[in-house]
Amino acid sequence: MTSSKRRVTSAVYVGCLIATVLVCFLPHFKAQELVILILIIIQFLALCWYSLSYIPFGHRMARGAARQVSSNFALG
């Protein structure tokens, strides 16, 4: 988790984890559920990206897959 390669992803994951807990315990506000949902999605994506760092060429593979999916949506 302290590897220089994984430091940013770890910080994003842990930061979102702490932010989610804090938002859950705040008094209810208008878009609280939406904020929690967004934080959970960011946590999931950060965890996936962190896991891909252990697979050789995992980040490159994920970027290629994302480009492929986005180009399919762009073409219709």
N, C-alpha and C. Protein backbone atom coordinates (compact mmCIF):
# COMPACT_ATOMS: atom_id res chain seq x y z
N MET A 1 0.81 -1.19 0.00
CA MET A 1 0.00 0.00 0.00
C MET A 1 0.86 1.25 0.00
N THR A 2 2.09 1.14 0.41
CA THR A 2 2.96 2.31 0.45
C THR A 2 3.91 2.36 -0.74
N SER A 3 3.78 1.44 -1.66
CA SER A 3 4.60 1.45 -2.86
C SER A 3 4.33 2.74 -3.63
N SER A 4 5.39 3.33 -4.18
CA SER A 4 5.22 4.61 -4.88
C SER A 4 4.26 4.46 -6.07
N LYS A 5 4.22 3.26 -6.63
CA LYS A 5 3.35 2.99 -7.76
C LYS A 5 1.87 2.99 -7.36
N ARG A 6 1.60 2.64 -6.12
CA ARG A 6 0.22 2.47 -5.66
C ARG A 6 -0.21 3.54 -4.65
N ARG A 7 0.65 4.49 -4.36
CA ARG A 7 0.40 5.45 -3.29
C ARG A 7 -0.83 6.33 -3.57
N VAL A 8 -0.96 6.85 -4.78
CA VAL A 8 -2.09 7.73 -5.10
C VAL A 8 -3.41 6.97 -5.01
N THR A 9 -3.43 5.78 -5.59
CA THR A 9 -4.65 4.98 -5.57
C THR A 9 -5.03 4.62 -4.14
N SER A 10 -4.04 4.29 -3.32
CA SER A 10 -4.31 3.97 -1.92
C SER A 10 -4.88 5.18 -1.19
N ALA A 11 -4.32 6.35 -1.46
CA ALA A 11 -4.79 7.57 -0.80
C ALA A 11 -6.23 7.88 -1.21
N VAL A 12 -6.55 7.70 -2.48
CA VAL A 12 -7.92 7.95 -2.96
C VAL A 12 -8.88 6.97 -2.29
N TYR A 13 -8.50 5.71 -2.22
CA TYR A 13 -9.37 4.69 -1.62
C TYR A 13 -9.61 4.98 -0.13
N VAL A 14 -8.54 5.19 0.61
CA VAL A 14 -8.67 5.43 2.05
C VAL A 14 -9.39 6.76 2.31
N GLY A 15 -9.09 7.77 1.50
CA GLY A 15 -9.77 9.06 1.66
C GLY A 15 -11.27 8.95 1.43
N CYS A 16 -11.66 8.22 0.39
CA CYS A 16 -13.09 8.03 0.12
C CYS A 16 -13.75 7.18 1.20
N LEU A 17 -13.02 6.22 1.71
CA LEU A 17 -13.55 5.38 2.78
C LEU A 17 -13.85 6.23 4.02
N ILE A 18 -12.92 7.08 4.39
CA ILE A 18 -13.11 7.96 5.55
C ILE A 18 -14.23 8.96 5.28
N ALA A 19 -14.24 9.53 4.06
CA ALA A 19 -15.27 10.50 3.71
C ALA A 19 -16.66 9.86 3.74
N THR A 20 -16.77 8.62 3.30
CA THR A 20 -18.06 7.93 3.31
C THR A 20 -18.57 7.76 4.74
N VAL A 21 -17.70 7.35 5.63
CA VAL A 21 -18.10 7.17 7.03
C VAL A 21 -18.51 8.52 7.63
N LEU A 22 -17.74 9.56 7.34
CA LEU A 22 -18.08 10.88 7.88
C LEU A 22 -19.42 11.38 7.35
N VAL A 23 -19.66 11.22 6.05
CA VAL A 23 -20.92 11.67 5.47
C VAL A 23 -22.09 10.87 6.03
N CYS A 24 -21.87 9.60 6.29
CA CYS A 24 -22.96 8.77 6.86
C CYS A 24 -23.39 9.26 8.24
N PHE A 25 -22.45 9.77 9.01
CA PHE A 25 -22.76 10.18 10.37
C PHE A 25 -23.09 11.66 10.50
N LEU A 26 -23.05 12.41 9.40
CA LEU A 26 -23.46 13.81 9.43
C LEU A 26 -24.98 13.87 9.53
N PRO A 27 -25.49 14.98 10.06
CA PRO A 27 -26.95 15.15 10.02
C PRO A 27 -27.41 15.12 8.57
N HIS A 28 -28.61 14.62 8.36
CA HIS A 28 -29.12 14.43 7.01
C HIS A 28 -29.18 15.75 6.25
N PHE A 29 -28.68 15.73 5.01
CA PHE A 29 -28.81 16.89 4.12
C PHE A 29 -29.36 16.42 2.80
N LYS A 30 -29.69 17.36 1.93
CA LYS A 30 -30.50 17.09 0.76
C LYS A 30 -29.95 15.99 -0.15
N ALA A 31 -28.69 16.02 -0.50
CA ALA A 31 -28.13 15.06 -1.47
C ALA A 31 -27.19 14.05 -0.80
N GLN A 32 -27.46 13.73 0.44
CA GLN A 32 -26.56 12.84 1.18
C GLN A 32 -26.44 11.46 0.52
N GLU A 33 -27.55 10.90 0.09
CA GLU A 33 -27.51 9.58 -0.54
C GLU A 33 -26.69 9.60 -1.82
N LEU A 34 -26.84 10.67 -2.60
CA LEU A 34 -26.08 10.80 -3.84
C LEU A 34 -24.59 10.91 -3.57
N VAL A 35 -24.22 11.69 -2.56
CA VAL A 35 -22.81 11.84 -2.20
C VAL A 35 -22.23 10.49 -1.75
N ILE A 36 -22.98 9.76 -0.95
CA ILE A 36 -22.52 8.45 -0.49
C ILE A 36 -22.35 7.50 -1.67
N LEU A 37 -23.30 7.50 -2.58
CA LEU A 37 -23.22 6.64 -3.76
C LEU A 37 -21.98 6.98 -4.61
N ILE A 38 -21.73 8.25 -4.83
CA ILE A 38 -20.56 8.66 -5.61
C ILE A 38 -19.27 8.23 -4.91
N LEU A 39 -19.21 8.41 -3.60
CA LEU A 39 -18.01 8.00 -2.85
C LEU A 39 -17.79 6.49 -2.92
N ILE A 40 -18.86 5.72 -2.87
CA ILE A 40 -18.74 4.27 -2.96
C ILE A 40 -18.27 3.85 -4.35
N ILE A 41 -18.77 4.51 -5.38
CA ILE A 41 -18.32 4.20 -6.75
C ILE A 41 -16.83 4.51 -6.91
N ILE A 42 -16.40 5.66 -6.37
CA ILE A 42 -14.97 6.01 -6.45
C ILE A 42 -14.13 5.00 -5.68
N GLN A 43 -14.62 4.56 -4.52
CA GLN A 43 -13.91 3.52 -3.76
C GLN A 43 -13.74 2.26 -4.58
N PHE A 44 -14.81 1.83 -5.23
CA PHE A 44 -14.77 0.61 -6.03
C PHE A 44 -13.77 0.75 -7.18
N LEU A 45 -13.82 1.88 -7.88
CA LEU A 45 -12.90 2.09 -9.00
C LEU A 45 -11.44 2.16 -8.53
N ALA A 46 -11.20 2.81 -7.39
CA ALA A 46 -9.85 2.88 -6.85
C ALA A 46 -9.35 1.49 -6.45
N LEU A 47 -10.22 0.69 -5.87
CA LEU A 47 -9.84 -0.67 -5.49
C LEU A 47 -9.53 -1.52 -6.71
N CYS A 48 -10.33 -1.37 -7.76
CA CYS A 48 -10.07 -2.10 -9.01
C CYS A 48 -8.73 -1.68 -9.61
N TRP A 49 -8.47 -0.38 -9.64
CA TRP A 49 -7.22 0.13 -10.21
C TRP A 49 -6.03 -0.36 -9.38
N TYR A 50 -6.19 -0.37 -8.06
CA TYR A 50 -5.14 -0.87 -7.16
C TYR A 50 -4.87 -2.35 -7.44
N SER A 51 -5.92 -3.12 -7.61
CA SER A 51 -5.77 -4.56 -7.87
C SER A 51 -5.10 -4.80 -9.22
N LEU A 52 -5.42 -3.98 -10.21
CA LEU A 52 -4.81 -4.13 -11.53
C LEU A 52 -3.31 -3.88 -11.50
N SER A 53 -2.83 -3.15 -10.51
CA SER A 53 -1.40 -2.86 -10.44
C SER A 53 -0.59 -4.11 -10.12
N TYR A 54 -1.23 -5.15 -9.61
CA TYR A 54 -0.54 -6.40 -9.32
C TYR A 54 -0.50 -7.34 -10.52
N ILE A 55 -1.27 -7.05 -11.55
CA ILE A 55 -1.30 -7.88 -12.76
C ILE A 55 -0.35 -7.27 -13.78
N PRO A 56 0.57 -8.04 -14.32
CA PRO A 56 1.46 -7.48 -15.33
C PRO A 56 0.66 -6.89 -16.49
N PHE A 57 0.96 -5.66 -16.82
CA PHE A 57 0.27 -4.91 -17.88
C PHE A 57 -1.22 -4.73 -17.59
N GLY A 58 -1.63 -4.81 -16.34
CA GLY A 58 -3.03 -4.68 -15.98
C GLY A 58 -3.59 -3.30 -16.27
N HIS A 59 -2.82 -2.26 -15.95
CA HIS A 59 -3.29 -0.89 -16.23
C HIS A 59 -3.42 -0.67 -17.73
N ARG A 60 -2.47 -1.16 -18.48
CA ARG A 60 -2.51 -0.99 -19.94
C ARG A 60 -3.73 -1.72 -20.52
N MET A 61 -4.00 -2.90 -20.01
CA MET A 61 -5.14 -3.68 -20.47
C MET A 61 -6.46 -2.95 -20.15
N ALA A 62 -6.56 -2.40 -18.94
CA ALA A 62 -7.78 -1.70 -18.54
C ALA A 62 -7.98 -0.43 -19.37
N ARG A 63 -6.89 0.29 -19.64
CA ARG A 63 -7.02 1.49 -20.49
C ARG A 63 -7.48 1.11 -21.89
N GLY A 64 -6.93 0.04 -22.44
CA GLY A 64 -7.33 -0.41 -23.77
C GLY A 64 -8.80 -0.82 -23.80
N ALA A 65 -9.24 -1.51 -22.77
CA ALA A 65 -10.64 -1.93 -22.70
C ALA A 65 -11.56 -0.71 -22.58
N ALA A 66 -11.15 0.27 -21.78
CA ALA A 66 -11.96 1.48 -21.62
C ALA A 66 -12.04 2.25 -22.94
N ARG A 67 -10.91 2.32 -23.66
CA ARG A 67 -10.93 2.99 -24.97
C ARG A 67 -11.86 2.27 -25.93
N GLN A 68 -11.80 0.95 -25.92
CA GLN A 68 -12.65 0.15 -26.81
C GLN A 68 -14.12 0.39 -26.51
N VAL A 69 -14.47 0.36 -25.24
CA VAL A 69 -15.87 0.57 -24.85
C VAL A 69 -16.31 1.98 -25.20
N SER A 70 -15.47 2.97 -24.93
CA SER A 70 -15.87 4.34 -25.21
C SER A 70 -15.97 4.59 -26.72
N SER A 71 -15.13 3.96 -27.51
CA SER A 71 -15.24 4.14 -28.97
C SER A 71 -16.50 3.45 -29.50
N ASN A 72 -16.91 2.35 -28.88
CA ASN A 72 -18.15 1.68 -29.29
C ASN A 72 -19.36 2.56 -28.98
N PHE A 73 -19.32 3.27 -27.83
CA PHE A 73 -20.42 4.17 -27.50
C PHE A 73 -20.42 5.40 -28.41
N ALA A 74 -19.23 5.85 -28.78
CA ALA A 74 -19.14 7.04 -29.63
C ALA A 74 -19.65 6.74 -31.05
N LEU A 75 -19.41 5.52 -31.51
CA LEU A 75 -19.84 5.15 -32.86
C LEU A 75 -21.33 4.84 -32.91
N GLY A 76 -21.88 4.51 -31.77
CA GLY A 76 -23.32 4.25 -31.72
C GLY A 76 -23.62 2.86 -31.91
